[in-house]
């Protein structure tokens, strides 16, 4: 996967900006606030159809305009893929592949594989289980269209079932027959999603621990644990057992939409006991494991986006990270940093060819 050309029109702080990329490693260097992260986010946007930083699409429109447009020319498997993503205020977002508009945005997911490493990754450790489920789904969804379709359908059914439970409560009524319609759909969808997540985690753990050991010089023991209600009971039994509490809470309290991924270091929660540097290394290892897992499943090297990823890391670990990616026949990498010397030193030590864009 290689991005040759990027064109931004009224995207965030850029009114108009074009880039041509010839190197595998591309570094955007400049002070905070000049738009380094926005460039990486535009590439992410072309891959996922949404921003990594601003989930509300209209927030990505430049203040001087009522629309934004992003255009990228990618090389994949010796073919050129021209991707355009745009939004006009009051209208639906559009994504085009080679001038053909997608009917559903999720049909685009998986064509352009990217992995973003950002300071916002801290949310994986500090926030609730939703963020960690999203992390799992973002990986599997890039390599398995059936999983992605099941997940989209599951979320629709959960929303409908929850609305029904709220209706029962507001109107002081209950209809078991109608509820069973949604239960049947959840039973059908829960098991394949659960099995796929369980299979994924068993493979992902090995990749993750190997990477962490490499960039931490095997200084700590780390682990991931998949937590799901379906390890204890099947979903039909779960829905029957939780009906009373579901009616009280007016939402579906158990199921694969409550799954979690537990992070530990030295057999303790990394959230409670991990230092700032250990947490940063843990998170980068997670994202690099995502990179190598997608590569192993698709045969393509994703585009790697490092947004201020080296902050709070010593020079040795910065160099180890770059070496880890480089020695595995890496694809294209985009890096942002405020420290010119730090980035250049790490790249020079690994004798890497790179381009610098000063903003």
Protein backbone atom coordinates (compact mmCIF):
# COMPACT_ATOMS: atom_id res chain seq x y z
CA UNK A 1 0.00 0.00 0.00
CA UNK A 2 1.48 3.32 -1.07
CA UNK A 3 0.00 6.83 -1.07
CA UNK A 4 1.43 8.89 -3.95
CA UNK A 5 -0.77 11.99 -3.91
CA UNK A 6 -2.93 13.79 -1.34
CA UNK A 7 -5.14 16.81 -2.00
CA UNK A 8 -6.97 18.65 0.79
CA UNK A 9 -9.70 21.20 0.11
CA UNK A 10 -11.15 23.10 3.08
CA UNK A 11 -10.28 20.23 5.40
CA UNK A 12 -9.86 21.47 8.97
CA UNK A 13 -7.18 24.21 9.01
CA UNK A 14 -6.21 23.69 5.35
CA UNK A 15 -8.00 25.72 2.67
CA UNK A 16 -5.97 24.06 -0.07
CA UNK A 17 -2.95 21.79 0.24
CA UNK A 18 -1.37 19.21 -2.03
CA UNK A 19 1.34 16.66 -1.29
CA UNK A 20 3.30 14.29 -3.51
CA UNK A 21 4.92 11.37 -1.70
CA UNK A 22 7.85 9.44 -3.13
CA UNK A 23 9.39 7.99 0.06
CA UNK A 24 8.27 5.14 2.26
CA UNK A 25 8.88 7.28 5.35
CA UNK A 26 7.41 10.79 5.38
CA UNK A 27 7.86 13.13 8.34
CA UNK A 28 5.81 16.25 9.09
CA UNK A 29 7.77 18.48 11.46
CA UNK A 30 6.46 21.68 13.03
CA UNK A 31 5.09 23.40 16.10
CA UNK A 32 1.82 22.37 17.69
CA UNK A 33 -1.25 23.75 15.94
CA UNK A 34 0.12 23.95 12.38
CA UNK A 35 -1.93 20.99 11.14
CA UNK A 36 0.46 18.03 11.26
CA UNK A 37 -2.14 15.73 12.83
CA UNK A 38 -4.79 16.89 10.36
CA UNK A 39 -2.72 15.58 7.45
CA UNK A 40 -2.54 12.14 9.03
CA UNK A 41 -6.23 12.33 9.88
CA UNK A 42 -7.09 13.04 6.23
CA UNK A 43 -5.33 9.80 5.23
CA UNK A 44 -7.22 7.94 7.95
CA UNK A 45 -10.42 9.57 6.69
CA UNK A 46 -9.83 8.21 3.19
CA UNK A 47 -9.42 4.71 4.64
CA UNK A 48 -12.33 4.61 7.09
CA UNK A 49 -14.71 7.25 5.74
CA UNK A 50 -14.48 9.16 9.01
CA UNK A 51 -12.04 11.18 11.07
CA UNK A 52 -9.95 9.61 13.82
CA UNK A 53 -10.12 12.81 15.90
CA UNK A 54 -13.51 14.37 15.05
CA UNK A 55 -16.31 11.80 14.80
CA UNK A 56 -18.86 14.49 13.88
CA UNK A 57 -18.19 14.97 10.17
CA UNK A 58 -19.20 18.64 9.94
CA UNK A 59 -16.46 19.49 12.48
CA UNK A 60 -13.89 18.71 9.79
CA UNK A 61 -15.10 21.50 7.50
CA UNK A 62 -12.87 24.60 7.34
CA UNK A 63 -14.50 27.67 8.91
CA UNK A 64 -14.20 29.54 5.58
CA UNK A 65 -16.28 26.97 3.68
CA UNK A 66 -19.44 24.89 3.73
CA UNK A 67 -17.74 21.71 2.50
CA UNK A 68 -14.54 19.69 2.59
CA UNK A 69 -13.00 17.28 0.10
CA UNK A 70 -10.05 14.89 0.38
CA UNK A 71 -8.50 13.12 -2.58
CA UNK A 72 -5.87 10.39 -2.39
CA UNK A 73 -4.15 8.31 -5.06
CA UNK A 74 -3.05 4.95 -3.67
CA UNK A 75 -1.09 2.12 -5.23
CA UNK A 76 -2.33 -1.30 -4.18
CA UNK A 77 -1.34 -4.59 -5.79
CA UNK A 78 0.04 -2.69 -8.80
CA UNK A 79 -3.28 -0.89 -9.32
CA UNK A 80 -4.11 2.78 -8.76
CA UNK A 81 -7.02 3.49 -6.43
CA UNK A 82 -8.34 7.05 -6.57
CA UNK A 83 -10.35 7.71 -3.40
CA UNK A 84 -12.37 10.88 -2.81
CA UNK A 85 -14.18 11.67 0.43
CA UNK A 86 -16.31 14.78 0.77
CA UNK A 87 -19.05 16.42 2.78
CA UNK A 88 -21.23 19.48 2.23
CA UNK A 89 -23.18 20.98 5.12
CA UNK A 90 -26.72 19.66 5.20
CA UNK A 91 -25.92 16.73 2.93
CA UNK A 92 -24.68 13.16 3.37
CA UNK A 93 -21.00 12.35 3.20
CA UNK A 94 -19.87 10.69 0.00
CA UNK A 95 -16.97 8.37 -0.79
CA UNK A 96 -15.94 7.56 -4.34
CA UNK A 97 -13.59 4.86 -5.57
CA UNK A 98 -12.25 5.56 -9.04
CA UNK A 99 -15.12 8.05 -9.56
CA UNK A 100 -17.80 5.51 -8.55
CA UNK A 101 -19.81 6.44 -5.46
CA UNK A 102 -20.30 3.85 -2.72
CA UNK A 103 -23.90 3.08 -1.77
CA UNK A 104 -22.82 2.18 1.77
CA UNK A 105 -19.69 3.58 3.38
CA UNK A 106 -18.90 0.34 5.21
CA UNK A 107 -18.44 -1.35 1.82
CA UNK A 108 -15.27 0.74 1.52
CA UNK A 109 -13.75 -0.48 4.80
CA UNK A 110 -10.78 -2.76 4.23
CA UNK A 111 -9.75 -1.45 0.80
CA UNK A 112 -7.22 1.04 2.19
CA UNK A 113 -5.63 -0.46 5.29
CA UNK A 114 -4.21 2.05 7.77
CA UNK A 115 -3.14 1.99 11.41
CA UNK A 116 -3.09 5.21 13.43
CA UNK A 117 -0.88 5.61 16.51
CA UNK A 118 -1.90 8.71 18.46
CA UNK A 119 -1.83 10.27 21.95
CA UNK A 120 -5.60 9.61 21.98
CA UNK A 121 -4.78 5.89 22.22
CA UNK A 122 -4.49 6.51 25.96
CA UNK A 123 -8.29 6.17 25.98
CA UNK A 124 -7.79 2.43 25.37
CA UNK A 125 -6.40 2.20 28.89
CA UNK A 126 -8.26 4.96 30.73
CA UNK A 127 -11.77 4.77 29.23
CA UNK A 128 -14.53 2.17 29.30
CA UNK A 129 -14.93 -1.13 27.48
CA UNK A 130 -16.56 0.50 24.43
CA UNK A 131 -13.19 1.87 23.29
CA UNK A 132 -11.50 -1.54 23.57
CA UNK A 133 -14.35 -3.30 21.70
CA UNK A 134 -14.00 -0.67 19.00
CA UNK A 135 -10.28 -1.48 18.81
CA UNK A 136 -11.00 -5.20 18.32
CA UNK A 137 -13.71 -4.53 15.75
CA UNK A 138 -11.55 -2.06 13.81
CA UNK A 139 -8.99 -4.81 13.21
CA UNK A 140 -11.29 -7.71 12.38
CA UNK A 141 -13.50 -5.46 10.27
CA UNK A 142 -10.61 -4.60 7.95
CA UNK A 143 -10.00 -8.25 7.06
CA UNK A 144 -13.45 -9.89 7.38
CA UNK A 145 -16.46 -8.40 5.55
CA UNK A 146 -18.86 -11.00 7.00
CA UNK A 147 -17.85 -10.01 10.54
CA UNK A 148 -18.35 -6.33 9.73
CA UNK A 149 -21.79 -7.01 8.27
CA UNK A 150 -22.81 -9.07 11.32
CA UNK A 151 -21.58 -6.33 13.64
CA UNK A 152 -23.53 -3.60 11.83
CA UNK A 153 -26.66 -5.75 11.96
CA UNK A 154 -26.12 -6.61 15.64
CA UNK A 155 -25.90 -2.92 16.59
CA UNK A 156 -29.17 -2.24 14.77
CA UNK A 157 -30.96 -5.06 16.61
CA UNK A 158 -29.60 -3.95 20.01
CA UNK A 159 -30.84 -0.42 19.34
CA UNK A 160 -34.27 -1.74 18.36
CA UNK A 161 -34.50 -4.05 21.38
CA UNK A 162 -33.48 -1.23 23.73
CA UNK A 163 -36.10 1.06 22.19
CA UNK A 164 -38.71 -1.64 22.77
CA UNK A 165 -37.70 -2.00 26.43
CA UNK A 166 -38.01 1.78 26.86
CA UNK A 167 -41.45 1.64 25.22
CA UNK A 168 -42.54 -1.11 27.65
CA UNK A 169 -41.42 1.01 30.60
CA UNK A 170 -42.99 4.27 29.39
CA UNK A 171 -46.33 2.61 28.61
CA UNK A 172 -46.34 0.13 31.50
CA UNK A 173 -46.86 -2.78 29.17
CA UNK A 174 -44.98 -5.88 28.03
CA UNK A 175 -45.15 -8.08 24.92
CA UNK A 176 -43.04 -11.24 25.12
CA UNK A 177 -43.82 -12.25 21.55
CA UNK A 178 -42.45 -8.99 20.08
CA UNK A 179 -39.39 -9.17 22.32
CA UNK A 180 -38.69 -12.72 21.13
CA UNK A 181 -38.32 -11.43 17.56
CA UNK A 182 -35.32 -9.36 18.61
CA UNK A 183 -34.01 -12.08 20.93
CA UNK A 184 -33.98 -14.53 18.03
CA UNK A 185 -31.95 -12.10 15.91
CA UNK A 186 -29.47 -11.52 18.74
CA UNK A 187 -29.07 -15.27 19.29
CA UNK A 188 -28.28 -15.68 15.59
CA UNK A 189 -25.66 -12.88 15.58
CA UNK A 190 -23.98 -13.21 19.00
CA UNK A 191 -22.24 -16.55 18.49
CA UNK A 192 -20.39 -15.84 15.19
CA UNK A 193 -19.20 -12.46 16.50
CA UNK A 194 -18.06 -14.03 19.78
CA UNK A 195 -16.25 -16.89 18.02
CA UNK A 196 -14.46 -14.50 15.68
CA UNK A 197 -13.33 -12.25 18.53
CA UNK A 198 -12.11 -15.24 20.55
CA UNK A 199 -10.17 -16.60 17.58
CA UNK A 200 -8.70 -13.18 16.86
CA UNK A 201 -7.50 -12.56 20.44
CA UNK A 202 -5.79 -15.96 20.64
CA UNK A 203 -3.71 -15.05 17.58
CA UNK A 204 -3.27 -11.38 18.42
CA UNK A 205 -1.80 -11.96 21.90
CA UNK A 206 1.26 -13.71 20.49
CA UNK A 207 1.96 -10.90 18.02
CA UNK A 208 1.45 -8.25 20.70
CA UNK A 209 3.70 -9.83 23.35
CA UNK A 210 6.50 -10.40 20.83
CA UNK A 211 6.42 -6.75 19.78
CA UNK A 212 6.30 -5.48 23.36
CA UNK A 213 9.27 -7.65 24.29
CA UNK A 214 11.25 -6.32 21.33
CA UNK A 215 10.72 -2.62 22.04
CA UNK A 216 10.95 -2.91 25.83
CA UNK A 217 13.98 -5.23 25.74
CA UNK A 218 11.95 -7.87 27.64
CA UNK A 219 11.86 -5.78 30.80
CA UNK A 220 8.25 -6.58 31.74
CA UNK A 221 5.63 -9.32 31.34
CA UNK A 222 2.42 -8.15 29.64
CA UNK A 223 -0.81 -9.87 28.72
CA UNK A 224 -4.25 -9.40 27.16
CA UNK A 225 -7.42 -11.16 28.34
CA UNK A 226 -10.68 -11.34 26.43
CA UNK A 227 -13.71 -10.97 28.71
CA UNK A 228 -17.20 -11.92 27.51
CA UNK A 229 -20.52 -12.98 29.04
CA UNK A 230 -20.63 -15.82 26.51
CA UNK A 231 -17.78 -17.66 28.24
CA UNK A 232 -20.23 -18.47 31.07
CA UNK A 233 -23.53 -19.08 29.25
CA UNK A 234 -25.02 -19.16 25.77
CA UNK A 235 -26.81 -16.00 24.67
CA UNK A 236 -30.33 -17.48 24.84
CA UNK A 237 -29.86 -18.36 28.49
CA UNK A 238 -28.31 -14.96 29.17
CA UNK A 239 -31.26 -13.10 27.65
CA UNK A 240 -33.74 -15.19 29.64
CA UNK A 241 -31.84 -14.74 32.91
CA UNK A 242 -31.44 -10.97 32.52
CA UNK A 243 -34.96 -10.14 31.31
CA UNK A 244 -36.05 -8.74 34.67
CA UNK A 245 -33.02 -6.46 35.03
CA UNK A 246 -33.21 -5.48 31.34
CA UNK A 247 -36.79 -4.28 31.89
CA UNK A 248 -35.74 -2.29 34.95
CA UNK A 249 -32.73 -0.71 33.23
CA UNK A 250 -34.55 -0.32 29.89
CA UNK A 251 -31.62 -1.70 27.88
CA UNK A 252 -29.92 -5.01 27.08
CA UNK A 253 -27.48 -5.47 29.95
CA UNK A 254 -25.51 -8.51 28.71
CA UNK A 255 -24.20 -9.87 25.45
CA UNK A 256 -21.23 -9.37 23.15
CA UNK A 257 -21.87 -5.59 23.15
CA UNK A 258 -20.47 -5.68 26.71
CA UNK A 259 -17.26 -7.58 25.87
CA UNK A 260 -13.96 -6.18 27.13
CA UNK A 261 -10.22 -6.58 26.68
CA UNK A 262 -8.20 -6.52 29.91
CA UNK A 263 -4.63 -5.13 29.86
CA UNK A 264 -2.06 -6.27 32.40
CA UNK A 265 1.63 -5.80 33.16
CA UNK A 266 3.35 -8.05 35.67
CA UNK A 267 -0.06 -9.70 36.37
CA UNK A 268 -1.51 -6.33 37.45
CA UNK A 269 -3.75 -3.81 35.72
CA UNK A 270 -1.62 -1.53 33.57
CA UNK A 271 -4.10 1.29 34.23
CA UNK A 272 -3.34 1.18 37.96
CA UNK A 273 0.28 0.03 38.05
CA UNK A 274 1.86 0.90 34.70
CA UNK A 275 4.16 3.92 34.49
CA UNK A 276 3.60 6.57 31.83
CA UNK A 277 6.39 5.12 29.72
CA UNK A 278 5.14 1.55 30.15
CA UNK A 279 1.62 2.54 29.15
CA UNK A 280 2.95 4.36 26.08
CA UNK A 281 5.01 1.31 25.05
CA UNK A 282 1.99 -0.95 25.70
CA UNK A 283 -0.24 1.17 23.45
CA UNK A 284 2.30 1.41 20.63
CA UNK A 285 2.76 -2.37 20.84
CA UNK A 286 -1.01 -2.83 20.50
CA UNK A 287 -1.10 -0.68 17.38
CA UNK A 288 1.96 -2.32 15.83
CA UNK A 289 0.38 -5.70 16.55
CA UNK A 290 -2.70 -4.44 14.68
CA UNK A 291 -0.41 -3.51 11.78
CA UNK A 292 1.27 -6.91 11.60
CA UNK A 293 -1.99 -8.84 12.11
CA UNK A 294 -3.65 -7.05 9.17
CA UNK A 295 -0.54 -7.64 7.08
CA UNK A 296 -0.56 -11.37 7.91
CA UNK A 297 -4.25 -11.68 6.96
CA UNK A 298 -4.27 -9.62 3.77
CA UNK A 299 -0.71 -9.92 2.43
CA UNK A 300 -0.59 -6.11 2.20
CA UNK A 301 1.38 -3.74 4.42
CA UNK A 302 -0.99 -1.11 5.88
CA UNK A 303 -0.08 2.56 5.89
CA UNK A 304 1.24 3.41 9.35
CA UNK A 305 0.35 6.81 10.82
CA UNK A 306 2.47 7.93 13.79
CA UNK A 307 0.94 11.06 15.33
CA UNK A 308 3.28 12.48 17.97
CA UNK A 309 3.85 8.86 18.90
CA UNK A 310 7.36 9.34 20.28
CA UNK A 311 6.39 11.77 23.03
CA UNK A 312 7.29 10.47 26.51
CA UNK A 313 9.57 7.78 25.04
CA UNK A 314 13.34 7.73 25.36
CA UNK A 315 15.52 7.80 22.24
CA UNK A 316 16.38 4.11 22.56
CA UNK A 317 12.75 3.02 22.37
CA UNK A 318 12.09 5.39 19.47
CA UNK A 319 14.92 3.74 17.53
CA UNK A 320 13.73 0.24 18.47
CA UNK A 321 10.21 1.00 17.22
CA UNK A 322 11.45 2.23 13.85
CA UNK A 323 13.80 -0.75 13.55
CA UNK A 324 10.96 -3.16 14.39
CA UNK A 325 8.82 -1.81 11.57
CA UNK A 326 11.69 -1.48 9.10
CA UNK A 327 12.98 -5.04 9.46
CA UNK A 328 9.59 -6.54 8.58
CA UNK A 329 9.31 -5.31 5.00
CA UNK A 330 7.21 -2.37 6.09
CA UNK A 331 4.92 -0.33 3.90
CA UNK A 332 4.58 3.43 3.97
CA UNK A 333 4.93 5.40 7.20
CA UNK A 334 3.81 8.94 8.04
CA UNK A 335 5.21 10.56 11.19
CA UNK A 336 4.46 13.84 12.95
CA UNK A 337 6.77 15.34 15.53
CA UNK A 338 7.63 18.69 17.05
CA UNK A 339 11.27 17.62 17.52
CA UNK A 340 13.18 17.60 14.26
CA UNK A 341 16.38 16.22 15.79
CA UNK A 342 14.67 13.34 17.62
CA UNK A 343 12.96 11.97 14.52
CA UNK A 344 15.91 12.47 12.18
CA UNK A 345 18.30 10.83 14.65
CA UNK A 346 16.10 7.74 14.96
CA UNK A 347 15.74 7.45 11.19
CA UNK A 348 19.42 8.07 10.53
CA UNK A 349 20.51 5.42 13.04
CA UNK A 350 18.46 2.86 11.12
CA UNK A 351 19.80 4.09 7.77
CA UNK A 352 16.26 4.70 6.54
CA UNK A 353 15.39 6.76 3.47
CA UNK A 354 12.89 9.47 4.30
CA UNK A 355 11.36 12.79 3.28
CA UNK A 356 10.84 15.77 5.60
CA UNK A 357 7.91 18.19 5.25
CA UNK A 358 8.35 21.23 7.49
CA UNK A 359 5.11 23.03 8.32
